[in-house]
Amino acid sequence: MATHGEGGLNLLSFITNFNLAMFILFTALYSYQVIYVVVALFKKPKKPAAAAKNHHFAILIAARNESAVIGQLISSIKKQKYPQDKIDIFVVADNCTDDTARVAEKAGANVYERYNKKYVGKGYALSYALNAIKRDYGKNAFEGYFVFDADNLLDENYVAEMNKLFDQGYRVLTCYRNSKNYGTNWISAGYSLWFLRESKYLNNPRMMLKTSCAISGTGFLIHNDIIQKNHGWKHHLLTEDIEFSVDSIIHGETIGYCGDAKIYDEQPCTWKQSWTQRLRWSKGFYQVLGKYTKGLLKGFALERRFACYDMFITIAPAIFVSLASILVNACFLLNGMMGSNFYIQHLVFSTTTTAILSSLFNFYIMLFLVGLITTVTEWNEIHDTSPVKKILYTFSFPFFILTYIPISIAALFKKIGWDPIPHNISKSIEDFERS
């Protein structure tokens, strides 16, 4: 029979091996993203050739009580260095109680008003718009469809740059996503850094390595052939963008990235807004994970398509790996402290406490480096803040990401609907072109 001392030493050995295994697992799963960073830092993307044709696009904007910002978006579309007769703007005023429809129509958009309290969310608004366009203009009136949120602003070359890659044969494209309000506070800066990192260090290297990119909420382009094949917009989970990305990749589509096409959007700046939005995102990721994991694993394991693995890692809640390690070590700590051997108690306490603190510290350092590298390389793209704040927000960035822990846990148990995030920062694209 093992003594208390031998049992304690066995427990210590198990703790050490467990933490080593978790470290190896995490490193193995995510090490490819280090390669992405290296590629983005040291390899320059090729400039696309000039387009042989100016394709005819429809622009879809789903708007719910967005009268404060939608006029500026439409204005930035009207200022595109692209033939205006090749751009048609459609706004879905979705369950609005303000004058979004009137403002959008006055600014030059074609407006459809939708009232449906049962089927709520951006996906349903896009379905409504596409069905209405098919009814009023025919199914082949447009070669591609852009999708924007009402708070977006477009760089003047946005459509022209996207058209170049569309002309090369990409049937789904995403773009460089920047922020209108980086400098408001640590919350808006946290969002902004994440999206800048996603553009520069995920989609950019994916494009250079010729694997598939991923749609990120807004600012994307879809070929009409895909719209017709899907009979409109068929993705209605809480994160319809990532659902569309995953579904497209499973079916063999390669999503392209255009780094020269830039949009700006407004980020939440209060904890309540951020909690609400990220709770929906987390729940949506769980929904996508539940619905599409089988297809992604099949695509990777049987068809050897790396993009399927990449997307599985993207939607898998990585933060749970670190959280699981912390919780298991905490259980070991409580178990070890209940023993009668003081020496073993001390060793267990020391080992598990060090493991928990090391997990948190390593997670912080990793995220800090991600934020720092992104800040340094994208320095000139970060607007609406001072140089000092740019540096300070790299230190708060890891805390912003760590707040996903309680959000991700709450999303497991809470019933979540689509709650809109209000937008009220009315800036013009000229504000960013001058800064």
Protein backbone atom coordinates (compact mmCIF):
# COMPACT_ATOMS: atom_id res chain seq x y z
CA MET A 1 0.00 0.00 0.00
CA ALA A 2 1.35 3.43 -0.94
CA THR A 3 2.10 5.83 1.89
CA HIS A 4 0.71 9.38 2.00
CA GLY A 5 4.15 10.58 0.99
CA GLU A 6 4.32 8.25 -2.01
CA GLY A 7 0.77 9.24 -3.00
CA GLY A 8 1.71 12.91 -2.80
CA LEU A 9 4.82 12.37 -4.92
CA ASN A 10 2.72 10.49 -7.49
CA LEU A 11 0.29 13.40 -7.53
CA LEU A 12 3.14 15.84 -8.12
CA SER A 13 4.43 13.68 -10.96
CA PHE A 14 0.95 13.58 -12.51
CA ILE A 15 0.59 17.38 -12.22
CA THR A 16 3.94 17.92 -13.91
CA ASN A 17 3.15 15.50 -16.74
CA PHE A 18 -0.35 16.93 -17.18
CA ASN A 19 0.92 20.49 -17.56
CA LEU A 20 3.63 19.36 -19.98
CA ALA A 21 1.02 17.51 -22.05
CA MET A 22 -1.26 20.57 -22.13
CA PHE A 23 1.64 22.75 -23.25
CA ILE A 24 2.59 20.32 -26.01
CA LEU A 25 -1.05 20.04 -27.13
CA PHE A 26 -1.55 23.79 -27.30
CA THR A 27 1.75 24.28 -29.14
CA ALA A 28 0.97 21.51 -31.62
CA LEU A 29 -2.49 22.84 -32.40
CA TYR A 30 -1.53 26.48 -32.90
CA SER A 31 2.11 26.47 -34.00
CA TYR A 32 1.14 26.94 -37.65
CA GLN A 33 -0.03 30.47 -36.78
CA VAL A 34 3.57 31.31 -35.86
CA ILE A 35 4.43 30.42 -39.45
CA TYR A 36 1.70 32.81 -40.55
CA VAL A 37 3.36 35.61 -38.58
CA VAL A 38 6.77 34.87 -40.11
CA VAL A 39 5.29 34.83 -43.61
CA ALA A 40 3.46 38.13 -43.02
CA LEU A 41 6.61 39.79 -41.64
CA PHE A 42 9.08 38.69 -44.29
CA LYS A 43 7.12 38.04 -47.46
CA LYS A 44 5.44 40.74 -49.51
CA PRO A 45 2.11 39.96 -51.16
CA LYS A 46 1.96 40.22 -54.91
CA LYS A 47 0.07 43.16 -56.32
CA PRO A 48 -2.86 41.95 -58.43
CA ALA A 49 -2.89 42.84 -62.11
CA ALA A 50 -5.29 45.45 -63.41
CA ALA A 51 -8.77 44.08 -64.01
CA ALA A 52 -9.80 43.40 -67.59
CA LYS A 53 -13.37 44.37 -66.77
CA ASN A 54 -15.30 46.57 -64.38
CA HIS A 55 -17.81 44.10 -63.02
CA HIS A 56 -21.33 45.07 -62.01
CA PHE A 57 -21.89 44.81 -58.26
CA ALA A 58 -24.76 45.18 -55.84
CA ILE A 59 -23.99 46.46 -52.36
CA LEU A 60 -26.10 45.03 -49.51
CA ILE A 61 -26.42 46.87 -46.22
CA ALA A 62 -28.47 45.43 -43.36
CA ALA A 63 -29.43 48.30 -41.06
CA ARG A 64 -31.43 48.42 -37.85
CA ASN A 65 -31.87 51.92 -36.42
CA GLU A 66 -28.70 53.20 -38.08
CA SER A 67 -29.83 56.69 -39.14
CA ALA A 68 -26.82 58.27 -37.39
CA VAL A 69 -24.21 56.53 -39.55
CA ILE A 70 -25.69 55.07 -42.71
CA GLY A 71 -25.54 58.31 -44.65
CA GLN A 72 -21.74 58.46 -44.29
CA LEU A 73 -21.37 54.89 -45.52
CA ILE A 74 -23.43 55.57 -48.62
CA SER A 75 -21.43 58.77 -49.18
CA SER A 76 -18.17 56.78 -49.10
CA ILE A 77 -19.65 54.37 -51.66
CA LYS A 78 -20.65 57.28 -53.90
CA LYS A 79 -17.02 58.54 -53.75
CA GLN A 80 -15.51 55.29 -55.01
CA LYS A 81 -12.97 55.51 -57.82
CA TYR A 82 -15.04 53.03 -59.76
CA PRO A 83 -17.78 53.59 -62.36
CA GLN A 84 -20.93 54.46 -60.44
CA ASP A 85 -23.10 52.82 -63.08
CA LYS A 86 -21.49 49.53 -62.03
CA ILE A 87 -22.54 49.92 -58.38
CA ASP A 88 -26.10 49.62 -57.05
CA ILE A 89 -26.75 50.19 -53.35
CA PHE A 90 -29.47 48.29 -51.49
CA VAL A 91 -30.37 48.91 -47.85
CA VAL A 92 -32.60 46.66 -45.78
CA ALA A 93 -34.15 48.80 -43.05
CA ASP A 94 -34.68 45.85 -40.74
CA ASN A 95 -37.25 46.30 -37.96
CA CYS A 96 -36.34 49.98 -37.69
CA THR A 97 -38.08 52.40 -35.34
CA ASP A 98 -36.13 55.44 -36.55
CA ASP A 99 -35.78 57.10 -39.96
CA THR A 100 -33.00 54.85 -41.32
CA ALA A 101 -35.02 54.16 -44.47
CA ARG A 102 -35.54 57.86 -45.22
CA VAL A 103 -31.90 58.77 -44.60
CA ALA A 104 -30.65 55.92 -46.77
CA GLU A 105 -33.04 56.74 -49.59
CA LYS A 106 -32.11 60.41 -49.48
CA ALA A 107 -28.41 59.45 -49.66
CA GLY A 108 -29.04 57.50 -52.87
CA ALA A 109 -29.76 53.91 -51.87
CA ASN A 110 -32.54 51.58 -52.93
CA VAL A 111 -34.39 50.76 -49.73
CA TYR A 112 -36.39 47.72 -48.67
CA GLU A 113 -38.18 47.87 -45.33
CA ARG A 114 -38.57 44.62 -43.41
CA TYR A 115 -40.66 43.96 -40.30
CA ASN A 116 -40.36 40.51 -38.79
CA LYS A 117 -39.94 40.04 -35.04
CA LYS A 118 -39.81 36.23 -35.25
CA TYR A 119 -36.82 35.86 -37.56
CA VAL A 120 -34.33 38.43 -36.32
CA GLY A 121 -30.72 38.92 -37.36
CA LYS A 122 -28.45 39.98 -40.18
CA GLY A 123 -28.75 36.65 -41.99
CA TYR A 124 -32.52 37.01 -42.32
CA ALA A 125 -32.15 40.61 -43.51
CA LEU A 126 -29.70 39.49 -46.22
CA SER A 127 -32.12 36.74 -47.28
CA TYR A 128 -34.90 39.29 -47.58
CA ALA A 129 -32.75 41.66 -49.64
CA LEU A 130 -31.52 38.99 -52.06
CA ASN A 131 -35.02 37.64 -52.61
CA ALA A 132 -36.32 41.16 -53.27
CA ILE A 133 -33.51 41.91 -55.72
CA LYS A 134 -34.12 38.66 -57.57
CA ARG A 135 -37.82 39.53 -57.80
CA ASP A 136 -37.28 43.13 -58.94
CA TYR A 137 -34.12 42.87 -61.07
CA GLY A 138 -33.75 39.21 -62.02
CA LYS A 139 -31.30 36.60 -60.76
CA ASN A 140 -28.41 37.64 -63.00
CA ALA A 141 -28.61 41.42 -62.80
CA PHE A 142 -25.39 41.60 -60.75
CA GLU A 143 -22.15 39.67 -61.02
CA GLY A 144 -21.32 39.94 -57.33
CA TYR A 145 -22.68 41.17 -54.01
CA PHE A 146 -20.80 43.20 -51.42
CA VAL A 147 -22.01 43.00 -47.81
CA PHE A 148 -21.43 45.87 -45.38
CA ASP A 149 -22.65 46.93 -41.96
CA ALA A 150 -24.25 50.36 -41.70
CA ASP A 151 -21.42 51.81 -39.59
CA ASN A 152 -18.73 51.03 -42.19
CA LEU A 153 -16.72 53.49 -44.24
CA LEU A 154 -14.95 52.54 -47.47
CA ASP A 155 -11.57 53.74 -48.67
CA GLU A 156 -12.04 55.41 -52.06
CA ASN A 157 -10.22 52.56 -53.88
CA TYR A 158 -12.08 49.79 -52.08
CA VAL A 159 -14.31 48.52 -54.89
CA ALA A 160 -11.62 48.92 -57.56
CA GLU A 161 -9.14 46.85 -55.54
CA MET A 162 -11.66 44.11 -54.79
CA ASN A 163 -12.63 44.06 -58.46
CA LYS A 164 -9.06 43.15 -59.44
CA LEU A 165 -9.12 39.88 -57.51
CA PHE A 166 -12.74 39.19 -58.44
CA ASP A 167 -11.64 39.53 -62.06
CA GLN A 168 -8.90 36.93 -61.43
CA GLY A 169 -11.53 34.37 -60.48
CA TYR A 170 -11.95 34.63 -56.71
CA ARG A 171 -15.61 34.03 -55.98
CA VAL A 172 -15.46 35.08 -52.31
CA LEU A 173 -13.26 37.91 -51.04
CA THR A 174 -12.62 39.64 -47.75
CA CYS A 175 -10.66 42.81 -46.99
CA TYR A 176 -8.50 44.79 -44.55
CA ARG A 177 -10.64 45.73 -41.55
CA ASN A 178 -9.71 48.87 -39.64
CA SER A 179 -11.44 50.89 -36.91
CA LYS A 180 -13.20 54.25 -36.70
CA ASN A 181 -12.67 54.63 -32.94
CA TYR A 182 -9.47 52.84 -31.90
CA GLY A 183 -8.60 55.44 -29.28
CA THR A 184 -11.89 55.62 -27.39
CA ASN A 185 -10.73 53.26 -24.62
CA TRP A 186 -9.14 49.87 -23.96
CA ILE A 187 -12.27 48.03 -25.12
CA SER A 188 -12.48 49.63 -28.57
CA ALA A 189 -8.69 49.28 -28.88
CA GLY A 190 -8.93 45.59 -28.00
CA TYR A 191 -11.42 44.97 -30.79
CA SER A 192 -9.42 47.05 -33.24
CA LEU A 193 -6.13 45.29 -32.57
CA TRP A 194 -7.81 41.91 -32.95
CA PHE A 195 -9.25 42.79 -36.36
CA LEU A 196 -5.98 44.35 -37.54
CA ARG A 197 -4.17 41.20 -36.45
CA GLU A 198 -6.76 39.06 -38.21
CA SER A 199 -6.21 40.95 -41.46
CA LYS A 200 -2.42 41.24 -41.32
CA TYR A 201 -1.40 37.98 -39.64
CA LEU A 202 -4.15 35.53 -40.56
CA ASN A 203 -5.84 36.39 -43.84
CA ASN A 204 -2.78 38.04 -45.41
CA PRO A 205 -0.46 35.00 -44.99
CA ARG A 206 -3.29 32.63 -45.86
CA MET A 207 -3.60 34.45 -49.16
CA MET A 208 0.15 34.32 -49.82
CA LEU A 209 0.27 30.62 -48.95
CA LYS A 210 -2.72 29.97 -51.22
CA THR A 211 -4.96 28.52 -48.54
CA SER A 212 -8.41 29.87 -47.74
CA CYS A 213 -9.08 33.03 -45.75
CA ALA A 214 -12.11 33.70 -43.55
CA ILE A 215 -14.89 36.29 -43.64
CA SER A 216 -14.92 38.62 -40.65
CA GLY A 217 -18.36 40.10 -40.15
CA THR A 218 -18.39 42.78 -42.80
CA GLY A 219 -16.69 43.99 -45.94
CA PHE A 220 -16.87 40.92 -48.14
CA LEU A 221 -17.79 40.07 -51.73
CA ILE A 222 -19.65 37.02 -53.03
CA HIS A 223 -20.03 35.92 -56.64
CA ASN A 224 -23.57 35.70 -57.94
CA ASP A 225 -23.01 32.04 -58.86
CA ILE A 226 -22.70 31.19 -55.16
CA ILE A 227 -25.78 33.22 -54.28
CA GLN A 228 -27.79 31.36 -56.90
CA LYS A 229 -26.39 27.97 -55.89
CA ASN A 230 -27.38 28.66 -52.27
CA HIS A 231 -30.78 30.05 -53.32
CA GLY A 232 -29.97 33.39 -51.69
CA TRP A 233 -28.51 33.65 -48.21
CA LYS A 234 -28.95 30.42 -46.25
CA HIS A 235 -26.81 31.07 -43.17
CA HIS A 236 -28.80 32.13 -40.12
CA LEU A 237 -26.76 31.17 -37.07
CA LEU A 238 -25.71 33.91 -34.65
CA THR A 239 -22.38 34.28 -36.46
CA GLU A 240 -23.57 34.10 -40.03
CA ASP A 241 -20.19 35.32 -41.35
CA ILE A 242 -18.13 32.48 -39.90
CA GLU A 243 -20.88 30.01 -40.80
CA PHE A 244 -20.68 31.18 -44.40
CA SER A 245 -16.86 30.89 -44.31
CA VAL A 246 -16.89 27.36 -42.91
CA ASP A 247 -19.64 26.16 -45.23
CA SER A 248 -17.85 27.63 -48.26
CA ILE A 249 -14.53 26.01 -47.35
CA ILE A 250 -16.13 22.61 -46.70
CA HIS A 251 -17.58 22.80 -50.21
CA GLY A 252 -14.20 23.56 -51.76
CA GLU A 253 -14.37 27.33 -52.09
CA THR A 254 -11.15 29.34 -51.60
CA ILE A 255 -11.82 32.68 -49.92
CA GLY A 256 -9.40 35.38 -51.06
CA TYR A 257 -8.07 38.45 -49.24
CA CYS A 258 -7.48 41.93 -50.61
CA GLY A 259 -5.22 43.91 -48.29
CA ASP A 260 -5.46 47.06 -50.41
CA ALA A 261 -9.24 47.22 -49.95
CA LYS A 262 -9.77 48.94 -46.59
CA ILE A 263 -12.88 49.52 -44.53
CA TYR A 264 -13.38 51.22 -41.18
CA ASP A 265 -16.05 50.28 -38.67
CA GLU A 266 -17.15 51.35 -35.21
CA GLN A 267 -16.21 49.18 -32.24
CA PRO A 268 -18.15 48.90 -28.96
CA CYS A 269 -16.67 51.01 -26.18
CA THR A 270 -18.73 50.04 -23.10
CA TRP A 271 -18.50 46.81 -21.18
CA LYS A 272 -22.23 46.15 -21.57
CA GLN A 273 -22.08 46.48 -25.36
CA SER A 274 -18.95 44.36 -25.54
CA TRP A 275 -20.39 41.64 -23.30
CA THR A 276 -23.59 41.48 -25.38
CA GLN A 277 -21.78 41.31 -28.69
CA ARG A 278 -19.11 38.82 -27.72
CA LEU A 279 -21.65 36.65 -25.93
CA ARG A 280 -23.48 36.36 -29.25
CA TRP A 281 -20.21 35.65 -31.06
CA SER A 282 -19.23 32.93 -28.58
CA LYS A 283 -22.66 31.29 -28.81
CA GLY A 284 -22.49 31.53 -32.59
CA PHE A 285 -19.09 29.85 -32.64
CA TYR A 286 -20.50 26.98 -30.57
CA GLN A 287 -23.39 26.69 -33.03
CA VAL A 288 -21.01 26.57 -36.00
CA LEU A 289 -18.76 24.10 -34.19
CA GLY A 290 -21.70 21.81 -33.50
CA LYS A 291 -23.06 21.98 -37.03
CA TYR A 292 -19.87 21.84 -39.12
CA THR A 293 -17.18 19.99 -37.12
CA LYS A 294 -17.84 16.72 -38.93
CA GLY A 295 -17.46 18.37 -42.34
CA LEU A 296 -14.26 20.18 -41.33
CA LEU A 297 -12.63 17.08 -39.88
CA LYS A 298 -13.60 15.07 -42.93
CA GLY A 299 -12.15 17.73 -45.21
CA PHE A 300 -8.87 17.70 -43.32
CA ALA A 301 -8.49 14.00 -42.45
CA LEU A 302 -9.82 12.44 -45.66
CA GLU A 303 -9.33 15.13 -48.29
CA ARG A 304 -6.09 16.59 -46.86
CA ARG A 305 -7.32 20.17 -47.09
CA PHE A 306 -5.42 22.34 -44.62
CA ALA A 307 -8.02 25.12 -44.81
CA CYS A 308 -10.48 22.81 -43.04
CA TYR A 309 -8.05 22.32 -40.15
CA ASP A 310 -7.37 26.06 -40.03
CA MET A 311 -11.07 26.85 -39.80
CA PHE A 312 -11.63 24.19 -37.13
CA ILE A 313 -8.92 25.78 -34.99
CA THR A 314 -10.42 29.21 -35.70
CA ILE A 315 -13.86 28.30 -34.33
CA ALA A 316 -12.67 25.98 -31.54
CA PRO A 317 -12.65 27.82 -28.18
CA ALA A 318 -8.87 27.92 -27.67
CA ILE A 319 -9.24 29.78 -24.42
CA PHE A 320 -10.74 26.61 -22.91
CA VAL A 321 -7.40 24.81 -23.21
CA SER A 322 -5.80 27.32 -20.84
CA LEU A 323 -8.91 27.44 -18.67
CA ALA A 324 -8.98 23.64 -18.38
CA SER A 325 -5.34 23.63 -17.32
CA ILE A 326 -6.01 26.23 -14.63
CA LEU A 327 -9.09 24.42 -13.30
CA VAL A 328 -7.39 21.02 -13.18
CA ASN A 329 -4.40 22.50 -11.36
CA ALA A 330 -6.77 24.19 -8.92
CA CYS A 331 -8.41 20.82 -8.20
CA PHE A 332 -4.99 19.27 -7.65
CA LEU A 333 -4.17 22.13 -5.29
CA LEU A 334 -7.28 21.54 -3.17
CA ASN A 335 -6.72 17.79 -3.13
CA GLY A 336 -3.07 18.11 -2.15
CA MET A 337 -3.77 20.62 0.63
CA MET A 338 -6.15 18.14 2.25
CA GLY A 339 -3.30 15.70 2.90
CA SER A 340 -1.63 15.28 6.30
CA ASN A 341 1.99 15.50 5.16
CA PHE A 342 3.11 19.12 5.48
CA TYR A 343 6.05 18.64 3.13
CA ILE A 344 3.80 17.18 0.43
CA GLN A 345 1.24 19.94 1.04
CA HIS A 346 3.97 22.50 0.47
CA LEU A 347 5.19 20.82 -2.72
CA VAL A 348 1.66 20.50 -4.15
CA PHE A 349 0.86 24.10 -3.28
CA SER A 350 4.10 25.33 -4.82
CA THR A 351 3.77 23.23 -7.98
CA THR A 352 0.12 23.93 -8.74
CA THR A 353 0.28 27.62 -7.85
CA THR A 354 3.31 28.03 -10.10
CA ALA A 355 1.50 26.17 -12.91
CA ILE A 356 -1.61 28.36 -12.63
CA LEU A 357 0.37 31.60 -12.52
CA SER A 358 2.61 30.40 -15.34
CA SER A 359 -0.42 29.61 -17.53
CA LEU A 360 -1.85 33.08 -16.97
CA PHE A 361 1.53 34.76 -17.43
CA ASN A 362 2.35 32.82 -20.60
CA PHE A 363 -1.08 33.59 -22.00
CA TYR A 364 -0.59 37.28 -21.23
CA ILE A 365 2.89 37.39 -22.77
CA MET A 366 1.74 35.58 -25.92
CA LEU A 367 -1.16 38.01 -26.42
CA PHE A 368 1.01 41.00 -25.56
CA LEU A 369 3.49 40.01 -28.28
CA VAL A 370 0.63 39.56 -30.75
CA GLY A 371 -0.66 43.05 -29.90
CA LEU A 372 2.81 44.59 -29.95
CA ILE A 373 3.79 43.14 -33.32
CA THR A 374 0.47 44.22 -34.79
CA THR A 375 0.78 47.73 -33.34
CA VAL A 376 4.32 48.21 -34.63
CA THR A 377 3.70 46.92 -38.15
CA GLU A 378 0.30 48.60 -38.53
CA TRP A 379 1.33 51.82 -36.76
CA ASN A 380 0.36 54.11 -39.64
CA GLU A 381 -3.01 52.38 -40.06
CA ILE A 382 -4.05 53.08 -36.47
CA HIS A 383 -6.02 56.32 -36.37
CA ASP A 384 -7.93 58.34 -33.80
CA THR A 385 -5.37 58.01 -31.01
CA SER A 386 -1.99 59.24 -29.78
CA PRO A 387 1.36 57.39 -30.02
CA VAL A 388 1.36 56.94 -26.24
CA LYS A 389 -2.05 55.28 -26.27
CA LYS A 390 -0.99 53.00 -29.11
CA ILE A 391 1.71 51.62 -26.83
CA LEU A 392 -0.43 51.54 -23.68
CA TYR A 393 -3.20 49.61 -25.40
CA THR A 394 -0.79 46.79 -26.26
CA PHE A 395 -0.59 46.14 -22.50
CA SER A 396 -4.38 46.12 -22.06
CA PHE A 397 -4.97 43.96 -25.14
CA PRO A 398 -4.29 40.64 -23.30
CA PHE A 399 -6.80 41.61 -20.58
CA PHE A 400 -9.40 42.29 -23.27
CA ILE A 401 -8.89 38.79 -24.69
CA LEU A 402 -8.86 37.21 -21.21
CA THR A 403 -12.36 38.60 -20.62
CA TYR A 404 -13.48 36.01 -23.17
CA ILE A 405 -13.16 33.41 -20.39
CA PRO A 406 -16.31 34.43 -18.46
CA ILE A 407 -18.06 35.31 -21.73
CA SER A 408 -17.33 31.89 -23.25
CA ILE A 409 -18.53 30.13 -20.09
CA ALA A 410 -21.74 32.17 -19.93
CA ALA A 411 -22.43 31.45 -23.61
CA LEU A 412 -22.49 27.72 -22.88
CA PHE A 413 -25.53 28.04 -20.65
CA LYS A 414 -27.34 31.23 -21.64
CA LYS A 415 -30.02 31.51 -24.30
CA ILE A 416 -28.90 34.28 -26.62
CA GLY A 417 -30.71 36.23 -29.32
CA TRP A 418 -29.68 38.93 -31.76
CA ASP A 419 -29.36 42.24 -29.90
CA PRO A 420 -28.16 45.14 -32.07
CA ILE A 421 -25.19 47.26 -30.98
CA PRO A 422 -25.97 51.00 -31.40
CA HIS A 423 -23.65 53.08 -33.59
CA ASN A 424 -23.35 56.85 -33.39
CA ILE A 425 -19.86 57.86 -34.54
CA SER A 426 -20.60 59.90 -37.62
CA LYS A 427 -17.30 60.40 -39.42
CA SER A 428 -16.52 60.72 -43.09
CA ILE A 429 -13.88 58.77 -44.96
CA GLU A 430 -11.95 62.04 -45.34
CA ASP A 431 -11.33 62.04 -41.58
CA PHE A 432 -9.16 58.94 -41.99
CA GLU A 433 -7.56 59.89 -45.28
CA ARG A 434 -6.27 63.12 -43.65
CA SER A 435 -4.98 61.46 -40.47
